[in-house]
């Protein structure tokens, strides 16, 4: 079943015709129930939002949240909340773009822009995915070390083998892949629920942490970590991914069916992202309650955080739960980065290569810097590398958000499903905030003589 055709009266005008859909092997492979019960129809759309939500609890997020909670207590909780609101708005626009045009964001950029603009956007998207993959390599390796005692150097190399697990799940069907991701999210949630109960945070301080503060823009160190949290939450590759996997649902091409698909897809993403906010905030709350409250304001490394949990919380169960959750997080993030990489390459370049080959190429590129930092600096260096990858993601974010807002605001491209004015204004404010914060960060870097080497 095909989506809206590029030559239909309702279809917007593009510079190029729509090519073959990304992830063609699962495109419109999930049937949508024709039952009268809206809950049963909604159930068919549940899944893509949780694959997107995985990006909110990946290992890079752990590093920035641990560093933020350790250094500044609960103050950066407001950044997690604002980032989550931004993410819900932007992911809703991704679903709208896909359902209205039959294009994912990468295809839309290729079809709307001249080649001189589309190719740099593709390169920037690839940089974002490599940064994401570096975080997963390091995080999964640390998880393997914490749970099974595997040395970090060997763990980094073992992460290249995860491609086979992903391919096996894809062969079973996209719903099996979604089910596996949701199951791992439940494991992460259960581990952090137990950790928070053991930490017994100051809940009044937690509530105050969700209130805005000007300290974030006045303090360069706090701004750096805030942008890391933003980059770890509203990740560029999630925008490309969501606009593609929404199209795994076999909804009808008529306007009422597409409106229903948009409504259910937006609801799926909103619920999943609120659930992810709870987990994301839990990481920061745990760091604030355990490390900041005990005077350890310099904890930036995941392995160091795990080592401190047992003596500070008084139980050996704490680091075990931490390690299991981290490993589940790394495995989950692997799935979404794999799919996003495939979407970006297929969408921007309109070429198809075997998923296993695409995965191995991306993973090898990520393993090189991860292995180099691990060998040169050990565990402390991997923590700083994780934070740096999240700031890189934040700096890349504007190059995905601006086209997304531009496309969904255009009636000539979106037809009757063009975004309403209020949503366009809200999304434009979000894009402006992201641009302004990134500009402020770059100015602070220049003013302070900041260099990447200083992080190491």
Protein backbone atom coordinates (compact mmCIF):
# COMPACT_ATOMS: atom_id res chain seq x y z
CA UNK A 1 0.00 0.00 0.00
CA UNK A 2 1.40 3.38 -0.98
CA UNK A 3 1.12 6.73 0.75
CA UNK A 4 0.01 9.95 -0.89
CA UNK A 5 1.22 10.01 -4.47
CA UNK A 6 3.55 12.77 -5.58
CA UNK A 7 1.30 13.67 -8.52
CA UNK A 8 -2.03 13.83 -6.68
CA UNK A 9 -3.77 17.21 -6.29
CA UNK A 10 -3.29 17.07 -2.51
CA UNK A 11 0.43 16.36 -2.74
CA UNK A 12 2.85 19.27 -2.24
CA UNK A 13 5.37 20.30 -4.88
CA UNK A 14 8.97 19.14 -4.55
CA UNK A 15 12.09 19.65 -6.65
CA UNK A 16 12.41 15.88 -7.12
CA UNK A 17 9.95 13.01 -7.13
CA UNK A 18 9.80 10.71 -4.16
CA UNK A 19 12.06 7.69 -4.45
CA UNK A 20 11.72 4.30 -2.84
CA UNK A 21 10.90 4.45 0.86
CA UNK A 22 13.71 3.98 3.37
CA UNK A 23 13.64 0.69 5.28
CA UNK A 24 11.77 -0.74 2.30
CA UNK A 25 11.71 -4.25 3.76
CA UNK A 26 9.45 -3.10 6.64
CA UNK A 27 7.67 -0.19 4.92
CA UNK A 28 3.91 -0.49 5.61
CA UNK A 29 4.46 -3.98 6.98
CA UNK A 30 2.41 -3.52 10.18
CA UNK A 31 -1.31 -3.85 9.55
CA UNK A 32 -3.69 -1.33 11.07
CA UNK A 33 -6.82 -2.73 12.70
CA UNK A 34 -10.13 -1.86 11.04
CA UNK A 35 -12.01 -2.48 14.29
CA UNK A 36 -14.46 0.11 15.57
CA UNK A 37 -12.74 0.23 18.96
CA UNK A 38 -10.29 3.16 18.80
CA UNK A 39 -8.06 1.58 21.45
CA UNK A 40 -7.46 -1.42 19.21
CA UNK A 41 -6.66 0.85 16.28
CA UNK A 42 -4.34 2.92 18.48
CA UNK A 43 -2.55 -0.26 19.60
CA UNK A 44 -1.40 -0.83 16.01
CA UNK A 45 0.46 2.49 16.12
CA UNK A 46 2.21 1.83 19.45
CA UNK A 47 5.91 1.14 18.98
CA UNK A 48 7.71 3.79 16.93
CA UNK A 49 7.50 6.28 19.81
CA UNK A 50 9.40 3.87 22.07
CA UNK A 51 12.16 3.39 19.50
CA UNK A 52 12.51 7.17 19.49
CA UNK A 53 12.37 7.28 23.31
CA UNK A 54 15.44 5.04 23.46
CA UNK A 55 17.51 8.08 22.49
CA UNK A 56 16.53 9.71 25.78
CA UNK A 57 18.22 7.05 27.86
CA UNK A 58 21.28 6.14 25.82
CA UNK A 59 24.77 5.95 27.41
CA UNK A 60 25.61 9.50 26.32
CA UNK A 61 22.61 10.71 28.27
CA UNK A 62 23.88 8.87 31.32
CA UNK A 63 27.23 10.67 31.17
CA UNK A 64 25.75 14.16 30.88
CA UNK A 65 23.07 13.53 33.51
CA UNK A 66 25.56 12.03 35.98
CA UNK A 67 27.94 14.95 35.45
CA UNK A 68 25.09 17.47 35.74
CA UNK A 69 23.59 15.94 38.88
CA UNK A 70 26.98 15.54 40.51
CA UNK A 71 28.12 19.10 39.82
CA UNK A 72 24.88 21.08 40.17
CA UNK A 73 22.47 18.88 42.12
CA UNK A 74 18.90 19.04 40.89
CA UNK A 75 19.22 22.38 39.03
CA UNK A 76 19.45 20.83 35.56
CA UNK A 77 16.19 18.90 35.91
CA UNK A 78 14.49 21.85 34.24
CA UNK A 79 16.71 21.28 31.19
CA UNK A 80 15.55 17.66 31.00
CA UNK A 81 11.92 18.83 31.19
CA UNK A 82 12.31 21.57 28.57
CA UNK A 83 14.24 19.21 26.31
CA UNK A 84 11.47 16.66 26.59
CA UNK A 85 8.81 19.23 25.66
CA UNK A 86 10.92 20.25 22.66
CA UNK A 87 11.27 16.61 21.68
CA UNK A 88 7.51 15.95 21.81
CA UNK A 89 6.85 18.93 19.52
CA UNK A 90 9.59 18.00 17.06
CA UNK A 91 8.68 14.31 16.95
CA UNK A 92 5.05 15.28 16.32
CA UNK A 93 6.27 17.29 13.32
CA UNK A 94 8.25 14.27 12.10
CA UNK A 95 5.12 12.12 12.14
CA UNK A 96 3.19 14.88 10.37
CA UNK A 97 5.83 15.19 7.63
CA UNK A 98 5.87 11.44 7.01
CA UNK A 99 2.12 10.94 6.97
CA UNK A 100 1.42 14.05 4.88
CA UNK A 101 4.07 13.51 2.21
CA UNK A 102 5.12 9.87 2.35
CA UNK A 103 8.70 11.10 2.85
CA UNK A 104 11.04 10.79 5.78
CA UNK A 105 13.09 13.87 6.76
CA UNK A 106 16.18 12.74 4.82
CA UNK A 107 14.14 12.18 1.65
CA UNK A 108 12.42 15.53 2.12
CA UNK A 109 15.78 17.32 2.32
CA UNK A 110 17.01 15.54 -0.80
CA UNK A 111 13.79 16.26 -2.70
CA UNK A 112 13.41 19.89 -1.59
CA UNK A 113 16.95 21.29 -1.68
CA UNK A 114 19.53 21.59 -4.45
CA UNK A 115 22.40 19.13 -4.27
CA UNK A 116 24.86 21.73 -2.96
CA UNK A 117 22.66 22.09 0.14
CA UNK A 118 21.47 18.48 0.53
CA UNK A 119 24.95 16.90 0.48
CA UNK A 120 26.30 18.99 3.41
CA UNK A 121 23.13 18.19 5.37
CA UNK A 122 23.77 14.50 4.71
CA UNK A 123 27.37 14.81 5.92
CA UNK A 124 26.23 16.59 9.09
CA UNK A 125 23.62 13.89 9.71
CA UNK A 126 26.32 11.23 9.34
CA UNK A 127 28.51 13.08 11.86
CA UNK A 128 25.58 13.07 14.31
CA UNK A 129 25.07 9.32 13.85
CA UNK A 130 28.78 8.61 14.32
CA UNK A 131 28.72 10.69 17.53
CA UNK A 132 25.71 8.68 18.68
CA UNK A 133 27.46 5.43 17.84
CA UNK A 134 30.59 6.45 19.74
CA UNK A 135 28.41 6.97 22.83
CA UNK A 136 26.87 3.53 22.34
CA UNK A 137 30.22 1.83 21.85
CA UNK A 138 31.63 3.36 25.02
CA UNK A 139 28.44 2.85 27.04
CA UNK A 140 27.96 -0.76 26.01
CA UNK A 141 31.63 -1.51 26.69
CA UNK A 142 31.31 -0.01 30.17
CA UNK A 143 28.13 -2.01 30.73
CA UNK A 144 29.88 -5.24 29.72
CA UNK A 145 32.70 -4.35 32.09
CA UNK A 146 30.38 -3.63 35.02
CA UNK A 147 28.17 -6.70 34.59
CA UNK A 148 30.59 -9.33 33.28
CA UNK A 149 34.02 -7.90 34.10
CA UNK A 150 35.06 -7.73 30.44
CA UNK A 151 37.95 -5.27 29.95
CA UNK A 152 36.95 -2.00 28.31
CA UNK A 153 39.30 -2.48 25.35
CA UNK A 154 37.78 -5.89 24.56
CA UNK A 155 34.25 -4.60 25.20
CA UNK A 156 34.75 -1.85 22.61
CA UNK A 157 35.65 -4.48 20.00
CA UNK A 158 32.78 -6.79 21.00
CA UNK A 159 30.25 -4.06 20.27
CA UNK A 160 30.84 -4.67 16.54
CA UNK A 161 29.03 -8.00 16.90
CA UNK A 162 25.68 -6.48 17.86
CA UNK A 163 24.80 -6.17 14.16
CA UNK A 164 23.91 -9.86 14.10
CA UNK A 165 21.37 -9.52 16.92
CA UNK A 166 19.71 -6.60 15.14
CA UNK A 167 19.52 -8.45 11.84
CA UNK A 168 17.97 -11.47 13.55
CA UNK A 169 15.24 -9.31 15.09
CA UNK A 170 14.56 -7.56 11.78
CA UNK A 171 14.06 -10.89 10.04
CA UNK A 172 11.39 -11.84 12.59
CA UNK A 173 9.42 -8.68 11.82
CA UNK A 174 9.34 -5.04 12.89
CA UNK A 175 6.89 -5.68 15.74
CA UNK A 176 9.35 -8.14 17.29
CA UNK A 177 12.03 -5.48 17.10
CA UNK A 178 9.73 -2.99 18.81
CA UNK A 179 8.80 -5.54 21.48
CA UNK A 180 12.46 -6.22 22.25
CA UNK A 181 13.15 -2.49 22.60
CA UNK A 182 10.16 -1.98 24.93
CA UNK A 183 11.23 -4.96 27.05
CA UNK A 184 14.70 -3.47 27.51
CA UNK A 185 13.15 -0.11 28.42
CA UNK A 186 11.12 -1.86 31.13
CA UNK A 187 14.34 -3.37 32.52
CA UNK A 188 15.97 0.08 32.65
CA UNK A 189 12.90 1.54 34.36
CA UNK A 190 12.79 -1.23 36.98
CA UNK A 191 16.50 -0.81 37.76
CA UNK A 192 16.20 2.95 38.25
CA UNK A 193 13.04 2.65 40.31
CA UNK A 194 15.01 0.46 42.73
CA UNK A 195 18.02 2.83 42.62
CA UNK A 196 15.89 5.88 43.43
CA UNK A 197 14.23 4.04 46.31
CA UNK A 198 17.69 3.25 47.73
CA UNK A 199 18.95 6.84 47.22
CA UNK A 200 15.92 8.44 48.94
CA UNK A 201 16.36 11.91 47.34
CA UNK A 202 15.14 15.21 48.78
CA UNK A 203 11.83 15.39 46.91
CA UNK A 204 11.25 19.06 47.71
CA UNK A 205 14.61 19.84 46.07
CA UNK A 206 13.64 17.63 43.14
CA UNK A 207 10.47 19.68 42.59
CA UNK A 208 12.44 22.94 42.79
CA UNK A 209 14.86 21.53 40.23
CA UNK A 210 12.13 21.68 37.58
CA UNK A 211 11.87 25.48 38.00
CA UNK A 212 13.81 27.61 35.44
CA UNK A 213 17.00 29.38 36.58
CA UNK A 214 19.18 31.98 34.86
CA UNK A 215 22.27 30.29 36.29
CA UNK A 216 22.24 27.96 33.28
CA UNK A 217 23.10 30.72 30.78
CA UNK A 218 25.38 32.64 33.18
CA UNK A 219 27.59 29.68 34.09
CA UNK A 220 29.55 28.32 31.06
CA UNK A 221 30.13 24.97 32.78
CA UNK A 222 26.44 24.57 33.51
CA UNK A 223 25.55 25.66 29.97
CA UNK A 224 27.97 23.10 28.56
CA UNK A 225 26.28 20.29 30.49
CA UNK A 226 22.82 21.71 29.72
CA UNK A 227 23.61 21.53 26.01
CA UNK A 228 24.89 18.02 26.53
CA UNK A 229 21.55 17.06 28.08
CA UNK A 230 19.75 18.80 25.22
CA UNK A 231 21.85 16.94 22.66
CA UNK A 232 21.29 13.65 24.47
CA UNK A 233 17.55 14.23 24.56
CA UNK A 234 16.56 15.90 21.30
CA UNK A 235 18.94 13.92 19.11
CA UNK A 236 19.19 14.68 15.38
CA UNK A 237 19.10 11.05 14.28
CA UNK A 238 15.79 10.55 16.12
CA UNK A 239 14.13 13.08 13.80
CA UNK A 240 15.22 11.16 10.72
CA UNK A 241 14.35 7.83 12.32
CA UNK A 242 10.84 8.70 13.50
CA UNK A 243 9.79 10.11 10.13
CA UNK A 244 10.71 6.76 8.58
CA UNK A 245 9.42 4.21 11.08
CA UNK A 246 6.00 5.88 11.31
CA UNK A 247 5.61 4.64 7.76
CA UNK A 248 5.88 1.00 8.84
CA UNK A 249 2.13 1.26 9.57
CA UNK A 250 -0.18 0.30 6.69
CA UNK A 251 -2.74 3.09 7.10
CA UNK A 252 -4.94 4.03 4.14
CA UNK A 253 -3.98 6.93 1.86
CA UNK A 254 -7.27 8.82 2.17
CA UNK A 255 -7.28 12.01 4.21
CA UNK A 256 -9.43 10.77 7.17
CA UNK A 257 -7.18 7.72 7.59
CA UNK A 258 -4.05 9.85 7.47
CA UNK A 259 -5.49 12.25 10.04
CA UNK A 260 -6.18 9.31 12.34
CA UNK A 261 -2.67 7.95 11.73
CA UNK A 262 -1.22 11.35 12.63
CA UNK A 263 -3.31 11.54 15.81
CA UNK A 264 -2.33 8.04 16.98
CA UNK A 265 1.36 8.41 16.03
CA UNK A 266 1.60 11.71 17.90
CA UNK A 267 -0.06 10.15 20.95
CA UNK A 268 2.28 7.16 20.82
CA UNK A 269 5.35 9.41 20.72
CA UNK A 270 4.03 11.71 23.47
CA UNK A 271 3.36 8.86 25.91
CA UNK A 272 6.69 7.19 25.16
CA UNK A 273 8.64 10.42 25.60
CA UNK A 274 6.99 11.22 28.92
CA UNK A 275 7.97 7.76 30.08
CA UNK A 276 11.51 8.45 28.87
CA UNK A 277 11.54 11.74 30.79
CA UNK A 278 10.93 9.82 34.00
CA UNK A 279 13.95 7.60 33.32
CA UNK A 280 16.10 10.48 32.10
CA UNK A 281 15.28 12.55 35.17
CA UNK A 282 15.93 9.52 37.40
CA UNK A 283 19.56 9.38 36.23
CA UNK A 284 20.10 13.00 37.19
CA UNK A 285 18.18 12.65 40.47
CA UNK A 286 20.27 9.61 41.41
CA UNK A 287 23.51 11.50 40.73
CA UNK A 288 22.31 14.54 42.69
CA UNK A 289 21.07 12.50 45.66
CA UNK A 290 24.10 10.23 45.91
CA UNK A 291 27.09 12.26 44.67
CA UNK A 292 26.24 15.98 44.98
CA UNK A 293 24.67 15.51 48.40
CA UNK A 294 27.81 13.75 49.67
CA UNK A 295 30.17 16.42 48.31
CA UNK A 296 31.31 14.45 45.25
CA UNK A 297 30.71 17.18 42.69
CA UNK A 298 33.34 15.97 40.23
CA UNK A 299 31.86 12.64 39.13
CA UNK A 300 31.74 12.58 35.32
CA UNK A 301 32.63 9.00 34.54
CA UNK A 302 30.04 6.21 34.40
CA UNK A 303 32.39 3.56 35.77
CA UNK A 304 33.43 5.85 38.64
CA UNK A 305 29.76 6.49 39.41
CA UNK A 306 29.09 2.76 39.57
CA UNK A 307 32.06 2.19 41.88
CA UNK A 308 30.82 4.86 44.30
CA UNK A 309 27.23 3.64 44.50
CA UNK A 310 27.86 0.67 46.80
CA UNK A 311 29.79 2.55 49.53
CA UNK A 312 27.53 5.61 49.37
CA UNK A 313 24.23 3.70 49.31
CA UNK A 314 25.43 0.90 51.57
CA UNK A 315 24.40 -2.04 49.36
CA UNK A 316 26.13 -4.11 46.68
CA UNK A 317 22.83 -4.30 44.77
CA UNK A 318 23.13 -0.66 43.65
CA UNK A 319 26.07 -1.07 41.24
CA UNK A 320 24.61 -4.30 39.86
CA UNK A 321 21.33 -2.57 39.02
CA UNK A 322 23.28 0.32 37.54
CA UNK A 323 25.33 -1.98 35.31
CA UNK A 324 22.33 -3.99 34.08
CA UNK A 325 20.45 -0.79 33.20
CA UNK A 326 23.47 0.62 31.37
CA UNK A 327 23.94 -2.56 29.33
CA UNK A 328 20.24 -2.60 28.40
CA UNK A 329 20.55 1.06 27.42
CA UNK A 330 23.53 0.42 25.18
CA UNK A 331 21.87 -2.53 23.44
CA UNK A 332 18.69 -0.54 22.90
CA UNK A 333 20.50 2.46 21.47
CA UNK A 334 22.31 0.19 19.05
CA UNK A 335 19.00 -0.71 17.42
CA UNK A 336 17.87 2.86 16.84
CA UNK A 337 21.24 4.10 15.58
CA UNK A 338 21.38 1.23 13.11
CA UNK A 339 17.97 2.07 11.71
CA UNK A 340 18.70 5.82 11.69
CA UNK A 341 21.94 5.31 9.80
CA UNK A 342 20.13 3.30 7.18
CA UNK A 343 17.39 5.93 6.88
CA UNK A 344 19.88 8.79 6.48
CA UNK A 345 21.97 7.05 3.81
CA UNK A 346 18.98 5.78 1.84
CA UNK A 347 17.03 9.00 2.17
CA UNK A 348 19.72 11.53 1.29
CA UNK A 349 21.59 9.50 -1.33
CA UNK A 350 18.75 7.33 -2.63
CA UNK A 351 21.01 4.30 -2.59
CA UNK A 352 20.58 0.95 -0.91
CA UNK A 353 23.30 -1.14 0.71
CA UNK A 354 22.97 -4.23 2.86
CA UNK A 355 22.01 -3.25 6.45
CA UNK A 356 24.81 -5.38 7.91
CA UNK A 357 27.37 -3.56 5.76
CA UNK A 358 26.01 -0.14 6.72
CA UNK A 359 26.08 -1.15 10.38
CA UNK A 360 29.63 -2.44 10.30
CA UNK A 361 30.94 0.66 8.49
CA UNK A 362 29.33 3.00 11.03
CA UNK A 363 30.46 0.90 13.97
CA UNK A 364 34.06 0.63 12.77
CA UNK A 365 34.20 4.43 12.37
CA UNK A 366 32.89 4.78 15.94
CA UNK A 367 35.21 2.14 17.38
CA UNK A 368 38.38 3.95 16.24
CA UNK A 369 38.03 7.09 18.46
CA UNK A 370 36.43 5.07 21.27
CA UNK A 371 39.31 2.59 21.29
CA UNK A 372 41.92 5.36 21.03
CA UNK A 373 40.49 7.26 24.00
CA UNK A 374 40.08 4.07 26.04
CA UNK A 375 43.69 3.04 25.46
CA UNK A 376 45.12 6.52 26.01
CA UNK A 377 43.03 7.79 28.93
CA UNK A 378 41.21 4.80 30.41
CA UNK A 379 37.84 5.08 32.12
CA UNK A 380 38.15 8.80 32.88
CA UNK A 381 38.64 9.60 29.20
CA UNK A 382 35.60 7.61 28.13
CA UNK A 383 33.40 9.68 30.43
CA UNK A 384 34.60 12.94 28.90
CA UNK A 385 34.24 11.49 25.41
CA UNK A 386 30.61 10.60 26.12
CA UNK A 387 29.83 14.17 27.20
CA UNK A 388 31.61 15.58 24.14
CA UNK A 389 29.56 13.39 21.78
CA UNK A 390 26.35 14.77 23.25
CA UNK A 391 27.49 18.38 22.75
CA UNK A 392 28.37 17.51 19.14
CA UNK A 393 24.82 16.20 18.74
CA UNK A 394 23.43 19.42 20.14
CA UNK A 395 25.50 21.48 17.69
CA UNK A 396 24.21 19.33 14.80
CA UNK A 397 20.60 19.58 15.91
CA UNK A 398 19.76 22.86 14.16
CA UNK A 399 20.62 21.36 10.77
CA UNK A 400 17.79 18.84 11.21
CA UNK A 401 15.30 21.01 13.10
CA UNK A 402 15.26 24.00 10.73
CA UNK A 403 14.39 21.94 7.60
CA UNK A 404 11.76 20.02 9.59
CA UNK A 405 10.01 23.22 10.68
CA UNK A 406 10.32 24.70 7.20
CA UNK A 407 8.75 21.68 5.49
CA UNK A 408 5.87 21.17 7.90
CA UNK A 409 4.97 24.88 7.78
CA UNK A 410 4.65 24.83 3.97
CA UNK A 411 1.15 24.23 2.63
CA UNK A 412 2.58 23.75 -0.86
CA UNK A 413 4.52 20.73 0.44
CA UNK A 414 2.22 19.41 3.18
CA UNK A 415 -1.18 19.94 1.61
CA UNK A 416 -4.15 19.63 4.00
CA UNK A 417 -1.95 18.23 6.79
CA UNK A 418 0.17 21.37 7.03
CA UNK A 419 1.07 22.17 10.63
CA UNK A 420 -1.28 24.70 12.31
CA UNK A 421 0.08 28.20 12.90
CA UNK A 422 0.40 27.75 16.68
CA UNK A 423 2.48 24.61 16.23
CA UNK A 424 4.73 26.28 13.65
CA UNK A 425 5.28 29.22 16.02
CA UNK A 426 6.08 26.89 18.92
CA UNK A 427 8.49 24.86 16.79
CA UNK A 428 10.11 28.05 15.46
CA UNK A 429 10.73 29.23 19.03
CA UNK A 430 12.31 25.87 19.81
CA UNK A 431 14.57 26.16 16.74
CA UNK A 432 15.55 29.70 17.77
CA UNK A 433 16.36 28.59 21.33
CA UNK A 434 18.56 25.77 20.04
CA UNK A 435 20.38 28.15 17.68
CA UNK A 436 20.87 30.75 20.42
CA UNK A 437 22.18 28.26 22.99
CA UNK A 438 24.60 26.76 20.51
CA UNK A 439 25.84 30.24 19.53
CA UNK A 440 26.32 31.10 23.21
CA UNK A 441 28.29 27.90 23.73
CA UNK A 442 30.59 28.61 20.77
CA UNK A 443 31.15 32.19 21.97
CA UNK A 444 32.07 30.92 25.45
CA UNK A 445 34.47 28.40 23.90
CA UNK A 446 36.25 31.11 21.92
CA UNK A 447 36.34 33.52 24.86
CA UNK A 448 37.84 30.92 27.20
CA UNK A 449 40.26 29.45 24.69
CA UNK A 450 38.40 26.15 24.94
CA UNK A 451 39.79 23.16 23.09
CA UNK A 452 38.63 19.60 22.72
CA UNK A 453 41.98 18.44 24.03
CA UNK A 454 41.22 20.19 27.33
CA UNK A 455 38.38 17.75 27.89
CA UNK A 456 40.78 14.86 27.84
